[in-house]
């Protein structure tokens, strides 16, 4: 009986390790997904082709998931959405900074 509990616990720990690794891989991929857009905005000094409502909705989404991740103590979820929120807020900043001048 005790041996069976030990074996099942080891399997559960291994599964948790794999789940954590998968979570962090997803976190890295999600986090860098906005990086090419940020780089393009900086290079071209233009964000005209981006929709501000879409960017703001994505930022709100990332903020909600960040809060959820913090409340659930889900580190991959928190890290991912903190990075995504930072990049989205940077896009908002550049969208405002590089907006076309009106006469």
C-alpha atoms as a PDB file:
ATOM      1  CA  UNK A   1       0.000   0.000   0.000  1.00  0.00           C
ATOM      2  CA  UNK A   2       2.738   2.479   0.995  1.00  0.00           C
ATOM      3  CA  UNK A   3       4.768   1.557  -2.104  1.00  0.00           C
ATOM      4  CA  UNK A   4       1.721   2.138  -4.322  1.00  0.00           C
ATOM      5  CA  UNK A   5       1.227   5.645  -2.846  1.00  0.00           C
ATOM      6  CA  UNK A   6       4.924   6.428  -3.420  1.00  0.00           C
ATOM      7  CA  UNK A   7       4.765   5.267  -7.081  1.00  0.00           C
ATOM      8  CA  UNK A   8       1.584   7.233  -7.765  1.00  0.00           C
ATOM      9  CA  UNK A   9       3.108  10.327  -6.146  1.00  0.00           C
ATOM     10  CA  UNK A  10       6.218  10.051  -8.346  1.00  0.00           C
ATOM     11  CA  UNK A  11       4.021   9.749 -11.451  1.00  0.00           C
ATOM     12  CA  UNK A  12       2.000  12.776 -10.373  1.00  0.00           C
ATOM     13  CA  UNK A  13       5.175  14.808  -9.793  1.00  0.00           C
ATOM     14  CA  UNK A  14       6.542  13.840 -13.215  1.00  0.00           C
ATOM     15  CA  UNK A  15       3.224  14.827 -14.824  1.00  0.00           C
ATOM     16  CA  UNK A  16       3.311  18.158 -12.980  1.00  0.00           C
ATOM     17  CA  UNK A  17       6.858  18.788 -14.243  1.00  0.00           C
ATOM     18  CA  UNK A  18       5.769  18.105 -17.824  1.00  0.00           C
ATOM     19  CA  UNK A  19       2.720  20.339 -17.418  1.00  0.00           C
ATOM     20  CA  UNK A  20       4.915  23.132 -16.065  1.00  0.00           C
ATOM     21  CA  UNK A  21       7.349  22.786 -18.972  1.00  0.00           C
ATOM     22  CA  UNK A  22       4.489  22.861 -21.491  1.00  0.00           C
ATOM     23  CA  UNK A  23       3.094  25.904 -19.701  1.00  0.00           C
ATOM     24  CA  UNK A  24       6.406  27.745 -19.925  1.00  0.00           C
ATOM     25  CA  UNK A  25       6.863  26.832 -23.618  1.00  0.00           C
ATOM     26  CA  UNK A  26       3.409  28.251 -24.297  1.00  0.00           C
ATOM     27  CA  UNK A  27       4.291  31.287 -22.210  1.00  0.00           C
ATOM     28  CA  UNK A  28       7.444  31.985 -24.214  1.00  0.00           C
ATOM     29  CA  UNK A  29       5.674  31.570 -27.553  1.00  0.00           C
ATOM     30  CA  UNK A  30       2.765  33.790 -26.507  1.00  0.00           C
ATOM     31  CA  UNK A  31       5.077  36.377 -25.017  1.00  0.00           C
ATOM     32  CA  UNK A  32       7.188  36.821 -28.128  1.00  0.00           C
ATOM     33  CA  UNK A  33       4.171  36.857 -30.448  1.00  0.00           C
ATOM     34  CA  UNK A  34       3.927  40.665 -30.327  1.00  0.00           C
ATOM     35  CA  UNK A  35       7.673  41.281 -30.550  1.00  0.00           C
ATOM     36  CA  UNK A  36       7.815  41.377 -34.384  1.00  0.00           C
ATOM     37  CA  UNK A  37       5.040  43.990 -34.374  1.00  0.00           C
ATOM     38  CA  UNK A  38       6.842  46.139 -31.800  1.00  0.00           C
ATOM     39  CA  UNK A  39      10.082  45.935 -33.803  1.00  0.00           C
ATOM     40  CA  UNK A  40       8.258  46.888 -37.022  1.00  0.00           C
ATOM     41  CA  UNK A  41       6.616  49.882 -35.341  1.00  0.00           C
ATOM     42  CA  UNK A  42       9.966  51.092 -34.022  1.00  0.00           C
ATOM     43  CA  UNK A  43      11.687  50.649 -37.413  1.00  0.00           C
ATOM     44  CA  UNK A  44       8.949  52.277 -39.494  1.00  0.00           C
ATOM     45  CA  UNK A  45       7.875  54.794 -36.836  1.00  0.00           C
ATOM     46  CA  UNK A  46       4.306  54.015 -37.832  1.00  0.00           C
ATOM     47  CA  UNK A  47       1.436  52.097 -36.298  1.00  0.00           C
ATOM     48  CA  UNK A  48      -1.271  53.400 -38.632  1.00  0.00           C
ATOM     49  CA  UNK A  49      -2.282  49.950 -39.813  1.00  0.00           C
ATOM     50  CA  UNK A  50      -3.093  48.768 -36.283  1.00  0.00           C
ATOM     51  CA  UNK A  51      -6.564  49.076 -34.805  1.00  0.00           C
ATOM     52  CA  UNK A  52      -6.514  50.862 -31.439  1.00  0.00           C
ATOM     53  CA  UNK A  53      -9.740  49.171 -30.239  1.00  0.00           C
ATOM     54  CA  UNK A  54      -8.231  45.759 -31.011  1.00  0.00           C
ATOM     55  CA  UNK A  55      -4.987  46.597 -29.220  1.00  0.00           C
ATOM     56  CA  UNK A  56      -6.928  47.877 -26.171  1.00  0.00           C
ATOM     57  CA  UNK A  57      -9.126  44.766 -26.099  1.00  0.00           C
ATOM     58  CA  UNK A  58      -6.035  42.545 -26.265  1.00  0.00           C
ATOM     59  CA  UNK A  59      -4.449  44.578 -23.449  1.00  0.00           C
ATOM     60  CA  UNK A  60      -7.594  44.203 -21.335  1.00  0.00           C
ATOM     61  CA  UNK A  61      -7.582  40.485 -22.059  1.00  0.00           C
ATOM     62  CA  UNK A  62      -3.918  40.170 -21.024  1.00  0.00           C
ATOM     63  CA  UNK A  63      -4.586  42.191 -17.848  1.00  0.00           C
ATOM     64  CA  UNK A  64      -7.509  39.948 -16.889  1.00  0.00           C
ATOM     65  CA  UNK A  65      -5.488  36.777 -17.504  1.00  0.00           C
ATOM     66  CA  UNK A  66      -2.556  38.252 -15.571  1.00  0.00           C
ATOM     67  CA  UNK A  67      -4.795  38.910 -12.575  1.00  0.00           C
ATOM     68  CA  UNK A  68      -6.297  35.423 -12.861  1.00  0.00           C
ATOM     69  CA  UNK A  69      -2.822  33.876 -13.023  1.00  0.00           C
ATOM     70  CA  UNK A  70      -1.760  35.801  -9.927  1.00  0.00           C
ATOM     71  CA  UNK A  71      -4.894  34.779  -8.020  1.00  0.00           C
ATOM     72  CA  UNK A  72      -4.464  31.115  -9.022  1.00  0.00           C
ATOM     73  CA  UNK A  73      -0.702  31.183  -8.391  1.00  0.00           C
ATOM     74  CA  UNK A  74      -0.130  30.031 -11.982  1.00  0.00           C
ATOM     75  CA  UNK A  75       3.359  31.290 -12.772  1.00  0.00           C
ATOM     76  CA  UNK A  76       3.408  30.497 -16.530  1.00  0.00           C
ATOM     77  CA  UNK A  77       0.086  32.277 -17.003  1.00  0.00           C
ATOM     78  CA  UNK A  78       1.211  35.279 -14.960  1.00  0.00           C
ATOM     79  CA  UNK A  79       4.580  35.641 -16.693  1.00  0.00           C
ATOM     80  CA  UNK A  80       3.084  35.276 -20.164  1.00  0.00           C
ATOM     81  CA  UNK A  81       0.413  37.867 -19.639  1.00  0.00           C
ATOM     82  CA  UNK A  82       2.699  40.313 -17.851  1.00  0.00           C
ATOM     83  CA  UNK A  83       5.018  40.278 -20.879  1.00  0.00           C
ATOM     84  CA  UNK A  84       2.115  40.436 -23.342  1.00  0.00           C
ATOM     85  CA  UNK A  85       0.527  43.325 -21.455  1.00  0.00           C
ATOM     86  CA  UNK A  86       3.845  45.184 -21.447  1.00  0.00           C
ATOM     87  CA  UNK A  87       4.236  44.763 -25.205  1.00  0.00           C
ATOM     88  CA  UNK A  88       0.653  45.758 -25.883  1.00  0.00           C
ATOM     89  CA  UNK A  89       1.011  48.882 -23.748  1.00  0.00           C
ATOM     90  CA  UNK A  90       4.204  49.664 -25.648  1.00  0.00           C
ATOM     91  CA  UNK A  91       2.248  49.325 -28.909  1.00  0.00           C
ATOM     92  CA  UNK A  92      -0.407  51.715 -27.544  1.00  0.00           C
ATOM     93  CA  UNK A  93       2.342  54.179 -26.592  1.00  0.00           C
ATOM     94  CA  UNK A  94       3.904  54.017 -30.070  1.00  0.00           C
ATOM     95  CA  UNK A  95       0.492  54.206 -31.757  1.00  0.00           C
ATOM     96  CA  UNK A  96      -0.102  57.498 -29.941  1.00  0.00           C
ATOM     97  CA  UNK A  97       3.458  58.771 -30.367  1.00  0.00           C
ATOM     98  CA  UNK A  98       3.691  58.013 -34.086  1.00  0.00           C
ATOM     99  CA  UNK A  99       0.154  59.006 -35.052  1.00  0.00           C
ATOM    100  CA  UNK A 100      -0.058  61.187 -38.151  1.00  0.00           C
ATOM    101  CA  UNK A 101      -0.036  64.901 -37.513  1.00  0.00           C
ATOM    102  CA  UNK A 102      -3.291  66.597 -38.462  1.00  0.00           C
ATOM    103  CA  UNK A 103      -3.429  70.142 -39.769  1.00  0.00           C
END
